[in-house]
């Protein structure tokens, strides 16, 4: 049961990036988002991805894969409107 809850949370949590993407798109601006923060977070996710891919922990693996995809969209939108 704990693993199932963890899997659900690992998939759902990164989807909270979607409102951020939508807000940037709606306002056509990303001025309130620090590029240092975006690139710092994105680089950390990139550096964690190889570990996640070889991990046997399905929660860590799913979270990392879904998060890298959705946060990459945040980074693209931030750069696009900068």
N, C-alpha and C. Protein backbone atom coordinates (compact mmCIF):
# COMPACT_ATOMS: atom_id res chain seq x y z
N UNK A 1 0.82 -1.20 0.00
CA UNK A 1 0.00 0.00 0.00
C UNK A 1 0.87 1.27 0.00
N UNK A 2 1.93 1.26 0.79
CA UNK A 2 2.83 2.41 0.86
C UNK A 2 3.49 2.66 -0.50
N UNK A 3 3.89 1.58 -1.17
CA UNK A 3 4.53 1.72 -2.48
C UNK A 3 3.55 2.29 -3.51
N UNK A 4 2.31 1.86 -3.47
CA UNK A 4 1.30 2.36 -4.40
C UNK A 4 1.05 3.85 -4.18
N UNK A 5 0.94 4.26 -2.93
CA UNK A 5 0.78 5.68 -2.61
C UNK A 5 1.99 6.48 -3.10
N UNK A 6 3.18 5.94 -2.90
CA UNK A 6 4.40 6.60 -3.37
C UNK A 6 4.44 6.73 -4.88
N UNK A 7 4.01 5.69 -5.58
CA UNK A 7 3.98 5.73 -7.05
C UNK A 7 3.01 6.80 -7.53
N UNK A 8 1.83 6.84 -6.93
CA UNK A 8 0.84 7.85 -7.31
C UNK A 8 1.38 9.25 -7.06
N UNK A 9 1.97 9.47 -5.89
CA UNK A 9 2.54 10.78 -5.57
C UNK A 9 3.69 11.13 -6.51
N UNK A 10 4.51 10.16 -6.87
CA UNK A 10 5.65 10.40 -7.76
C UNK A 10 5.18 10.85 -9.14
N UNK A 11 4.05 10.35 -9.57
CA UNK A 11 3.52 10.74 -10.88
C UNK A 11 2.77 12.06 -10.80
N UNK A 12 1.99 12.26 -9.73
CA UNK A 12 1.14 13.46 -9.61
C UNK A 12 1.94 14.71 -9.24
N UNK A 13 2.91 14.59 -8.36
CA UNK A 13 3.65 15.76 -7.87
C UNK A 13 4.23 16.63 -8.98
N UNK A 14 4.92 16.07 -9.98
CA UNK A 14 5.47 16.92 -11.03
C UNK A 14 4.41 17.65 -11.86
N UNK A 15 3.18 17.16 -11.85
CA UNK A 15 2.13 17.82 -12.61
C UNK A 15 1.78 19.19 -12.05
N UNK A 16 2.29 19.53 -10.86
CA UNK A 16 2.10 20.87 -10.32
C UNK A 16 2.92 21.89 -11.09
N UNK A 17 3.77 21.43 -12.00
CA UNK A 17 4.49 22.34 -12.89
C UNK A 17 3.56 22.91 -13.96
N UNK A 18 2.48 22.21 -14.27
CA UNK A 18 1.58 22.64 -15.34
C UNK A 18 0.95 24.00 -15.05
N UNK A 19 0.45 24.28 -13.82
CA UNK A 19 -0.07 25.63 -13.57
C UNK A 19 0.99 26.73 -13.76
N UNK A 20 2.24 26.43 -13.43
CA UNK A 20 3.31 27.41 -13.64
C UNK A 20 3.51 27.66 -15.12
N UNK A 21 3.52 26.61 -15.92
CA UNK A 21 3.65 26.75 -17.37
C UNK A 21 2.47 27.55 -17.92
N UNK A 22 1.27 27.23 -17.46
CA UNK A 22 0.07 27.93 -17.93
C UNK A 22 0.11 29.41 -17.55
N UNK A 23 0.60 29.71 -16.35
CA UNK A 23 0.68 31.11 -15.91
C UNK A 23 1.67 31.90 -16.77
N UNK A 24 2.80 31.29 -17.06
CA UNK A 24 3.79 31.95 -17.92
C UNK A 24 3.19 32.19 -19.30
N UNK A 25 2.52 31.18 -19.83
CA UNK A 25 1.92 31.28 -21.16
C UNK A 25 0.82 32.35 -21.19
N UNK A 26 0.00 32.39 -20.16
CA UNK A 26 -1.11 33.34 -20.11
C UNK A 26 -0.61 34.79 -20.03
N UNK A 27 0.41 35.01 -19.19
CA UNK A 27 0.93 36.37 -19.00
C UNK A 27 1.94 36.77 -20.06
N UNK A 28 2.41 35.78 -20.82
CA UNK A 28 3.45 36.01 -21.84
C UNK A 28 4.69 36.64 -21.22
N UNK A 29 4.98 36.24 -19.99
CA UNK A 29 6.14 36.78 -19.28
C UNK A 29 6.64 35.76 -18.25
N UNK A 30 7.95 35.73 -18.08
CA UNK A 30 8.55 34.91 -17.03
C UNK A 30 9.51 35.76 -16.19
N UNK A 31 9.26 37.06 -16.17
CA UNK A 31 10.15 37.98 -15.45
C UNK A 31 10.22 37.70 -13.96
N UNK A 32 9.16 37.14 -13.38
CA UNK A 32 9.15 36.89 -11.94
C UNK A 32 9.83 35.58 -11.55
N UNK A 33 10.35 34.86 -12.53
CA UNK A 33 11.01 33.58 -12.26
C UNK A 33 12.50 33.74 -12.52
N UNK A 34 13.28 33.42 -11.54
CA UNK A 34 14.73 33.55 -11.64
C UNK A 34 15.31 32.49 -12.58
N UNK A 35 16.12 32.95 -13.53
CA UNK A 35 16.80 32.01 -14.42
C UNK A 35 17.80 31.15 -13.65
N UNK A 36 18.41 31.71 -12.61
CA UNK A 36 19.32 30.92 -11.77
C UNK A 36 18.57 29.77 -11.11
N UNK A 37 17.37 30.05 -10.63
CA UNK A 37 16.56 29.00 -10.00
C UNK A 37 16.18 27.94 -11.02
N UNK A 38 15.68 28.36 -12.18
CA UNK A 38 15.25 27.41 -13.21
C UNK A 38 16.40 26.50 -13.62
N UNK A 39 17.54 27.11 -13.95
CA UNK A 39 18.67 26.30 -14.40
C UNK A 39 19.27 25.47 -13.27
N UNK A 40 19.27 25.99 -12.05
CA UNK A 40 19.77 25.23 -10.91
C UNK A 40 18.95 23.98 -10.67
N UNK A 41 17.64 24.14 -10.66
CA UNK A 41 16.75 23.00 -10.46
C UNK A 41 16.86 22.02 -11.62
N UNK A 42 16.84 22.53 -12.84
CA UNK A 42 16.89 21.67 -14.02
C UNK A 42 18.19 20.87 -14.09
N UNK A 43 19.31 21.53 -13.79
CA UNK A 43 20.61 20.83 -13.80
C UNK A 43 20.65 19.74 -12.73
N UNK A 44 20.08 20.03 -11.57
CA UNK A 44 20.03 19.00 -10.52
C UNK A 44 19.19 17.80 -10.96
N UNK A 45 18.07 18.06 -11.62
CA UNK A 45 17.25 16.95 -12.13
C UNK A 45 18.00 16.15 -13.18
N UNK A 46 18.73 16.83 -14.06
CA UNK A 46 19.52 16.15 -15.09
C UNK A 46 20.60 15.27 -14.43
N UNK A 47 21.25 15.81 -13.40
CA UNK A 47 22.31 15.05 -12.73
C UNK A 47 21.76 13.86 -11.94
N UNK A 48 20.52 13.96 -11.46
CA UNK A 48 19.89 12.86 -10.72
C UNK A 48 19.34 11.78 -11.64
N UNK A 49 19.03 12.13 -12.89
CA UNK A 49 18.37 11.19 -13.80
C UNK A 49 19.12 9.88 -14.01
N UNK A 50 20.44 9.88 -14.25
CA UNK A 50 21.12 8.58 -14.42
C UNK A 50 20.97 7.65 -13.21
N UNK A 51 21.04 8.22 -12.02
CA UNK A 51 20.86 7.42 -10.81
C UNK A 51 19.45 6.85 -10.74
N UNK A 52 18.48 7.66 -11.12
CA UNK A 52 17.08 7.20 -11.10
C UNK A 52 16.85 6.09 -12.11
N UNK A 53 17.45 6.21 -13.28
CA UNK A 53 17.24 5.22 -14.33
C UNK A 53 17.80 3.85 -13.98
N UNK A 54 18.87 3.80 -13.19
CA UNK A 54 19.44 2.50 -12.81
C UNK A 54 18.91 2.01 -11.46
N UNK A 55 18.14 2.84 -10.80
CA UNK A 55 17.59 2.47 -9.49
C UNK A 55 16.52 1.39 -9.61
N UNK A 56 16.44 0.56 -8.60
CA UNK A 56 15.36 -0.43 -8.55
C UNK A 56 14.13 0.14 -7.86
N UNK A 57 14.25 1.34 -7.29
CA UNK A 57 13.13 1.99 -6.62
C UNK A 57 12.23 2.63 -7.66
N UNK A 58 11.07 2.04 -7.87
CA UNK A 58 10.15 2.50 -8.91
C UNK A 58 9.63 3.91 -8.63
N UNK A 59 9.45 4.26 -7.37
CA UNK A 59 8.96 5.59 -7.02
C UNK A 59 9.97 6.66 -7.45
N UNK A 60 11.23 6.45 -7.11
CA UNK A 60 12.29 7.39 -7.48
C UNK A 60 12.41 7.47 -9.00
N UNK A 61 12.35 6.34 -9.67
CA UNK A 61 12.47 6.30 -11.13
C UNK A 61 11.32 7.06 -11.80
N UNK A 62 10.09 6.78 -11.41
CA UNK A 62 8.94 7.46 -12.01
C UNK A 62 8.95 8.96 -11.74
N UNK A 63 9.25 9.32 -10.48
CA UNK A 63 9.30 10.74 -10.13
C UNK A 63 10.32 11.47 -10.99
N UNK A 64 11.50 10.91 -11.11
CA UNK A 64 12.56 11.57 -11.87
C UNK A 64 12.22 11.72 -13.35
N UNK A 65 11.65 10.68 -13.94
CA UNK A 65 11.32 10.72 -15.36
C UNK A 65 10.22 11.74 -15.63
N UNK A 66 9.14 11.67 -14.87
CA UNK A 66 8.02 12.60 -15.08
C UNK A 66 8.47 14.03 -14.76
N UNK A 67 9.25 14.20 -13.71
CA UNK A 67 9.69 15.53 -13.31
C UNK A 67 10.63 16.16 -14.33
N UNK A 68 11.54 15.38 -14.89
CA UNK A 68 12.47 15.94 -15.86
C UNK A 68 11.72 16.40 -17.11
N UNK A 69 10.70 15.66 -17.51
CA UNK A 69 9.91 16.04 -18.68
C UNK A 69 9.15 17.34 -18.41
N UNK A 70 8.42 17.39 -17.31
CA UNK A 70 7.59 18.56 -17.04
C UNK A 70 8.42 19.78 -16.65
N UNK A 71 9.50 19.59 -15.90
CA UNK A 71 10.31 20.76 -15.54
C UNK A 71 11.08 21.27 -16.75
N UNK A 72 11.39 20.40 -17.70
CA UNK A 72 12.02 20.87 -18.94
C UNK A 72 11.08 21.81 -19.67
N UNK A 73 9.78 21.52 -19.61
CA UNK A 73 8.80 22.42 -20.22
C UNK A 73 8.77 23.77 -19.50
N UNK A 74 8.91 23.75 -18.17
CA UNK A 74 9.00 25.00 -17.41
C UNK A 74 10.22 25.80 -17.88
N UNK A 75 11.36 25.12 -18.02
CA UNK A 75 12.58 25.80 -18.46
C UNK A 75 12.42 26.39 -19.86
N UNK A 76 11.81 25.63 -20.76
CA UNK A 76 11.60 26.11 -22.13
C UNK A 76 10.69 27.35 -22.13
N UNK A 77 9.60 27.29 -21.39
CA UNK A 77 8.67 28.43 -21.33
C UNK A 77 9.34 29.65 -20.70
N UNK A 78 10.13 29.42 -19.67
CA UNK A 78 10.81 30.54 -19.00
C UNK A 78 11.77 31.22 -19.97
N UNK A 79 12.52 30.44 -20.69
CA UNK A 79 13.48 31.00 -21.66
C UNK A 79 12.72 31.66 -22.82
N UNK A 80 11.67 31.03 -23.25
CA UNK A 80 10.88 31.55 -24.38
C UNK A 80 10.33 32.95 -24.12
N UNK A 81 9.89 33.20 -22.90
CA UNK A 81 9.30 34.49 -22.57
C UNK A 81 10.26 35.43 -21.85
N UNK A 82 11.54 35.14 -21.90
CA UNK A 82 12.51 36.01 -21.26
C UNK A 82 13.03 37.01 -22.22
